[in-house]
Amino acid sequence: MGRLTGKVAIITGAALGMGASEAKLFAYEGAKVVATDIQDDLLKEVISEIKANGGDAIGLKHNVTSEEEWKNVIQEAINHYGKVDVLVNNAGVASPKTMTQMEMDEWNKVMDINLNGCVLGMKYVIPEMQKAGGGSLINISSIGGIVGMAGSSPYTAAKGALRSLSKSTAVEYGKDKIRVNSVHPGIIETPMTADSFEQALPFYQTFTQLPYFGKPEDVAYGVLFLASDESRFMTGSELVIDGGWTAI
């Protein structure tokens, strides 16, 4: 315990899956957590669990594609806790469509949530981190941002752009002691992957080198490392948590 004592962290997409696991782990490790999600009822359950276990957290309903809602989330974090040290851009949606199958409204939706939502978060939190003397930005990308994945064109395009954006932002704001890293999960058993998991199981087993798949907490521990001072000399990097998918 105590790896994040004294830090204030905003985590988006915190109602389920990896985001919920990150919020609970961060609070356990001493962070004051601002957990956000569009699924307000599920988010309340996460906040209740954190508080029941002695953690300090608030939950905010939040559409990451809204510029005004981003401003409000950051202001609420400042109002409650006085600063922001960590932002985890975790909110995202899947899109199992090939290039010719997708409609442009679906492309735009995926880009708005998976990429533009992260852009807005960084844009408005960086000035607060500059005031605080530094911080850690953690963008949850995917192995789809590193290697090609058939049937996921909008998703992989957004995640690849987020990977590159993280590097450029790291270069721009390193002088301010603001670190920016991306995380690239492989097959993680979450509510977002549940619908396709059984159907795609043979495919997943071919590419995952370990005899088991990832759980949300496997990613959360990697994100915890990037949020903590243990990773103080790490920026512009990619943390791959994929069970060996990209090793082949």
Protein backbone atom coordinates (compact mmCIF):
# COMPACT_ATOMS: atom_id res chain seq x y z
CA MET A 1 0.00 0.00 0.00
CA GLY A 2 0.93 3.65 -0.35
CA ARG A 3 2.43 3.70 -3.83
CA LEU A 4 0.16 6.62 -4.79
CA THR A 5 -0.18 8.37 -1.44
CA GLY A 6 -0.74 12.10 -1.93
CA LYS A 7 -1.67 11.81 -5.61
CA VAL A 8 -4.97 12.78 -7.23
CA ALA A 9 -5.99 10.69 -10.23
CA ILE A 10 -8.74 11.03 -12.83
CA ILE A 11 -9.73 7.72 -14.43
CA THR A 12 -12.25 7.62 -17.28
CA GLY A 13 -14.33 4.60 -18.20
CA ALA A 14 -14.20 3.55 -14.55
CA ALA A 15 -17.58 1.84 -14.22
CA LEU A 16 -16.49 -1.55 -15.54
CA GLY A 17 -13.55 -3.69 -16.58
CA MET A 18 -10.06 -2.23 -16.59
CA GLY A 19 -11.18 1.23 -15.51
CA ALA A 20 -13.01 -0.08 -12.45
CA SER A 21 -10.03 -2.24 -11.53
CA GLU A 22 -7.69 0.74 -11.88
CA ALA A 23 -9.91 2.97 -9.73
CA LYS A 24 -10.07 0.39 -6.92
CA LEU A 25 -6.34 -0.34 -7.05
CA PHE A 26 -5.39 3.34 -7.13
CA ALA A 27 -7.56 4.04 -4.09
CA TYR A 28 -6.08 1.05 -2.27
CA GLU A 29 -2.62 2.46 -2.98
CA GLY A 30 -3.50 5.81 -1.43
CA ALA A 31 -4.66 7.95 -4.36
CA LYS A 32 -7.64 10.27 -4.23
CA VAL A 33 -9.64 9.06 -7.23
CA VAL A 34 -11.96 10.97 -9.54
CA ALA A 35 -13.69 8.14 -11.40
CA THR A 36 -15.81 9.00 -14.43
CA ASP A 37 -18.08 7.13 -16.80
CA ILE A 38 -21.21 7.61 -18.84
CA GLN A 39 -22.75 4.62 -17.01
CA ASP A 40 -23.61 6.47 -13.84
CA ASP A 41 -25.38 3.67 -11.92
CA LEU A 42 -22.52 1.20 -12.36
CA LEU A 43 -20.01 3.90 -11.45
CA LYS A 44 -21.82 4.51 -8.15
CA GLU A 45 -21.26 0.86 -7.25
CA VAL A 46 -17.50 1.23 -7.84
CA ILE A 47 -17.36 4.37 -5.68
CA SER A 48 -19.33 2.66 -2.90
CA GLU A 49 -16.91 -0.27 -2.90
CA ILE A 50 -13.89 2.04 -2.75
CA LYS A 51 -15.34 3.97 0.19
CA ALA A 52 -16.37 0.79 1.99
CA ASN A 53 -12.74 -0.29 1.84
CA GLY A 54 -11.50 3.00 3.28
CA GLY A 55 -10.60 4.72 0.01
CA ASP A 56 -11.22 8.31 -1.05
CA ALA A 57 -13.08 8.74 -4.35
CA ILE A 58 -15.79 10.66 -6.15
CA GLY A 59 -17.74 9.57 -9.21
CA LEU A 60 -18.82 11.84 -12.05
CA LYS A 61 -21.04 11.09 -15.01
CA HIS A 62 -18.93 11.97 -18.00
CA ASN A 63 -19.18 11.79 -21.77
CA VAL A 64 -15.53 11.98 -22.86
CA THR A 65 -16.47 13.41 -26.26
CA SER A 66 -17.83 16.57 -24.63
CA GLU A 67 -15.38 19.45 -24.24
CA GLU A 68 -17.56 21.11 -21.62
CA GLU A 69 -17.87 17.94 -19.57
CA TRP A 70 -14.08 17.54 -19.60
CA LYS A 71 -13.70 21.06 -18.25
CA ASN A 72 -16.23 20.26 -15.54
CA VAL A 73 -14.54 16.99 -14.52
CA ILE A 74 -11.17 18.68 -14.13
CA GLN A 75 -12.67 21.58 -12.22
CA GLU A 76 -14.48 19.17 -9.90
CA ALA A 77 -11.19 17.36 -9.26
CA ILE A 78 -9.56 20.69 -8.37
CA ASN A 79 -12.51 21.70 -6.17
CA HIS A 80 -12.45 18.43 -4.23
CA TYR A 81 -8.74 17.66 -4.06
CA GLY A 82 -6.83 20.79 -5.08
CA LYS A 83 -4.81 19.37 -7.98
CA VAL A 84 -4.50 16.60 -10.58
CA ASP A 85 -1.39 14.41 -10.69
CA VAL A 86 -2.55 11.54 -12.90
CA LEU A 87 -4.94 11.12 -15.81
CA VAL A 88 -5.81 7.66 -17.09
CA ASN A 89 -7.61 7.88 -20.44
CA ASN A 90 -9.30 4.51 -20.26
CA ALA A 91 -12.76 5.06 -21.80
CA GLY A 92 -13.22 3.35 -25.14
CA VAL A 93 -15.50 1.37 -27.42
CA ALA A 94 -14.93 -1.57 -29.74
CA SER A 95 -15.89 -1.70 -33.42
CA PRO A 96 -15.75 -5.11 -35.12
CA LYS A 97 -15.96 -3.78 -38.67
CA THR A 98 -13.69 -3.97 -41.69
CA MET A 99 -12.92 -0.94 -43.84
CA THR A 100 -15.74 -1.65 -46.31
CA GLN A 101 -18.29 -2.76 -43.71
CA MET A 102 -18.19 0.35 -41.57
CA GLU A 103 -20.35 3.43 -42.02
CA MET A 104 -18.78 6.82 -41.56
CA ASP A 105 -20.95 7.63 -38.56
CA GLU A 106 -19.50 4.57 -36.83
CA TRP A 107 -15.96 5.63 -37.79
CA ASN A 108 -16.59 9.08 -36.33
CA LYS A 109 -18.07 7.65 -33.12
CA VAL A 110 -15.05 5.41 -32.51
CA MET A 111 -12.63 8.26 -33.25
CA ASP A 112 -14.56 10.63 -30.98
CA ILE A 113 -14.47 8.27 -27.99
CA ASN A 114 -11.19 6.40 -28.42
CA LEU A 115 -9.04 9.28 -29.68
CA ASN A 116 -10.68 12.68 -29.40
CA GLY A 117 -11.84 11.99 -25.85
CA CYS A 118 -8.21 11.43 -24.88
CA VAL A 119 -7.13 14.56 -26.72
CA LEU A 120 -9.62 16.67 -24.76
CA GLY A 121 -8.54 15.15 -21.47
CA MET A 122 -4.87 15.89 -22.08
CA LYS A 123 -5.57 19.35 -23.46
CA TYR A 124 -7.38 20.48 -20.33
CA VAL A 125 -5.45 18.59 -17.66
CA ILE A 126 -1.94 19.54 -18.78
CA PRO A 127 -2.24 23.17 -17.53
CA GLU A 128 -3.25 21.83 -14.10
CA MET A 129 -0.29 19.46 -14.07
CA GLN A 130 1.99 22.33 -14.99
CA LYS A 131 0.69 24.20 -11.94
CA ALA A 132 1.27 21.12 -9.77
CA GLY A 133 4.86 20.75 -10.98
CA GLY A 134 4.37 17.64 -13.09
CA GLY A 135 2.18 14.62 -13.61
CA SER A 136 1.57 11.37 -15.41
CA LEU A 137 -0.69 10.95 -18.44
CA ILE A 138 -1.55 7.33 -19.23
CA ASN A 139 -3.38 6.54 -22.45
CA ILE A 140 -4.93 3.10 -22.76
CA SER A 141 -4.28 2.06 -26.34
CA SER A 142 -4.21 -1.57 -27.52
CA ILE A 143 -1.99 -4.06 -29.29
CA GLY A 144 -4.21 -3.00 -32.19
CA GLY A 145 -2.26 0.26 -32.09
CA ILE A 146 0.96 -1.67 -32.79
CA VAL A 147 0.01 -4.58 -35.07
CA GLY A 148 -2.72 -5.07 -37.63
CA MET A 149 -5.97 -6.71 -36.55
CA ALA A 150 -8.45 -7.78 -39.21
CA GLY A 151 -12.01 -6.67 -38.69
CA SER A 152 -11.27 -3.70 -36.47
CA SER A 153 -10.32 -0.87 -38.79
CA PRO A 154 -11.81 2.10 -36.89
CA TYR A 155 -10.63 0.75 -33.53
CA THR A 156 -7.04 0.08 -34.60
CA ALA A 157 -6.81 3.43 -36.40
CA ALA A 158 -7.82 5.27 -33.23
CA LYS A 159 -5.51 3.23 -31.01
CA GLY A 160 -2.56 3.67 -33.38
CA ALA A 161 -3.11 7.41 -33.46
CA LEU A 162 -3.26 7.45 -29.65
CA ARG A 163 0.09 5.65 -29.50
CA SER A 164 1.75 8.28 -31.71
CA LEU A 165 0.02 11.16 -29.97
CA SER A 166 1.32 9.95 -26.61
CA LYS A 167 4.90 10.12 -27.91
CA SER A 168 4.50 13.61 -29.34
CA THR A 169 2.89 14.90 -26.15
CA ALA A 170 5.70 13.35 -24.10
CA VAL A 171 8.23 15.31 -26.15
CA GLU A 172 6.26 18.54 -25.88
CA TYR A 173 5.79 18.51 -22.11
CA GLY A 174 8.75 16.60 -20.70
CA LYS A 175 10.35 19.89 -19.67
CA ASP A 176 7.36 20.40 -17.34
CA LYS A 177 7.95 17.02 -15.67
CA ILE A 178 4.81 15.69 -17.31
CA ARG A 179 5.23 12.09 -18.41
CA VAL A 180 3.08 10.56 -21.14
CA ASN A 181 2.96 6.82 -21.81
CA SER A 182 0.61 4.45 -23.61
CA VAL A 183 -0.55 1.02 -22.45
CA HIS A 184 -1.26 -1.74 -24.95
CA PRO A 185 -3.40 -4.57 -23.59
CA GLY A 186 -3.91 -7.80 -25.48
CA ILE A 187 -6.87 -10.08 -24.89
CA ILE A 188 -8.38 -9.01 -21.58
CA GLU A 189 -11.60 -10.55 -20.29
CA THR A 190 -13.80 -7.50 -19.80
CA PRO A 191 -17.48 -6.66 -20.45
CA MET A 192 -16.40 -5.03 -23.74
CA THR A 193 -14.90 -8.30 -25.04
CA ALA A 194 -17.54 -10.60 -23.52
CA ASP A 195 -19.83 -10.71 -26.57
CA SER A 196 -17.13 -11.95 -28.93
CA PHE A 197 -14.95 -13.90 -26.50
CA GLU A 198 -16.32 -17.42 -26.94
CA GLN A 199 -16.69 -17.11 -30.69
CA ALA A 200 -13.12 -15.86 -31.14
CA LEU A 201 -11.56 -18.14 -28.52
CA PRO A 202 -9.59 -20.37 -30.97
CA PHE A 203 -8.15 -17.25 -32.63
CA TYR A 204 -7.16 -15.73 -29.30
CA GLN A 205 -5.53 -18.96 -28.17
CA THR A 206 -3.37 -19.02 -31.31
CA PHE A 207 -1.86 -15.62 -30.60
CA THR A 208 -1.68 -15.57 -26.81
CA GLN A 209 1.49 -17.39 -25.75
CA LEU A 210 0.46 -17.96 -22.14
CA PRO A 211 -2.07 -20.68 -21.24
CA TYR A 212 -4.54 -18.09 -19.90
CA PHE A 213 -5.96 -14.71 -20.85
CA GLY A 214 -5.56 -11.37 -19.15
CA LYS A 215 -7.77 -10.01 -16.39
CA PRO A 216 -8.49 -6.31 -15.76
CA GLU A 217 -6.17 -6.33 -12.75
CA ASP A 218 -3.26 -7.43 -14.96
CA VAL A 219 -3.56 -4.13 -16.80
CA ALA A 220 -4.32 -2.14 -13.65
CA TYR A 221 -1.00 -3.08 -12.05
CA GLY A 222 0.86 -1.83 -15.13
CA VAL A 223 -1.09 1.42 -15.06
CA LEU A 224 -0.33 1.75 -11.34
CA PHE A 225 3.39 1.56 -12.11
CA LEU A 226 3.11 4.36 -14.69
CA ALA A 227 1.12 6.52 -12.28
CA SER A 228 3.63 6.08 -9.47
CA ASP A 229 7.02 7.72 -8.98
CA GLU A 230 8.57 4.32 -9.64
CA SER A 231 8.33 5.17 -13.35
CA ARG A 232 9.71 8.72 -12.98
CA PHE A 233 12.22 8.25 -15.85
CA MET A 234 9.72 6.67 -18.24
CA THR A 235 7.97 8.79 -20.85
CA GLY A 236 7.00 8.41 -24.49
CA SER A 237 7.03 4.66 -23.98
CA GLU A 238 4.68 1.77 -24.64
CA LEU A 239 3.80 -0.72 -21.94
CA VAL A 240 2.61 -3.89 -23.67
CA ILE A 241 0.51 -6.27 -21.57
CA ASP A 242 -0.55 -8.87 -24.10
CA GLY A 243 0.39 -12.39 -23.02
CA GLY A 244 3.00 -12.53 -25.77
CA TRP A 245 0.79 -11.63 -28.76
CA THR A 246 3.27 -9.13 -30.22
CA ALA A 247 6.23 -11.44 -29.58
CA ILE A 248 5.47 -13.41 -32.73
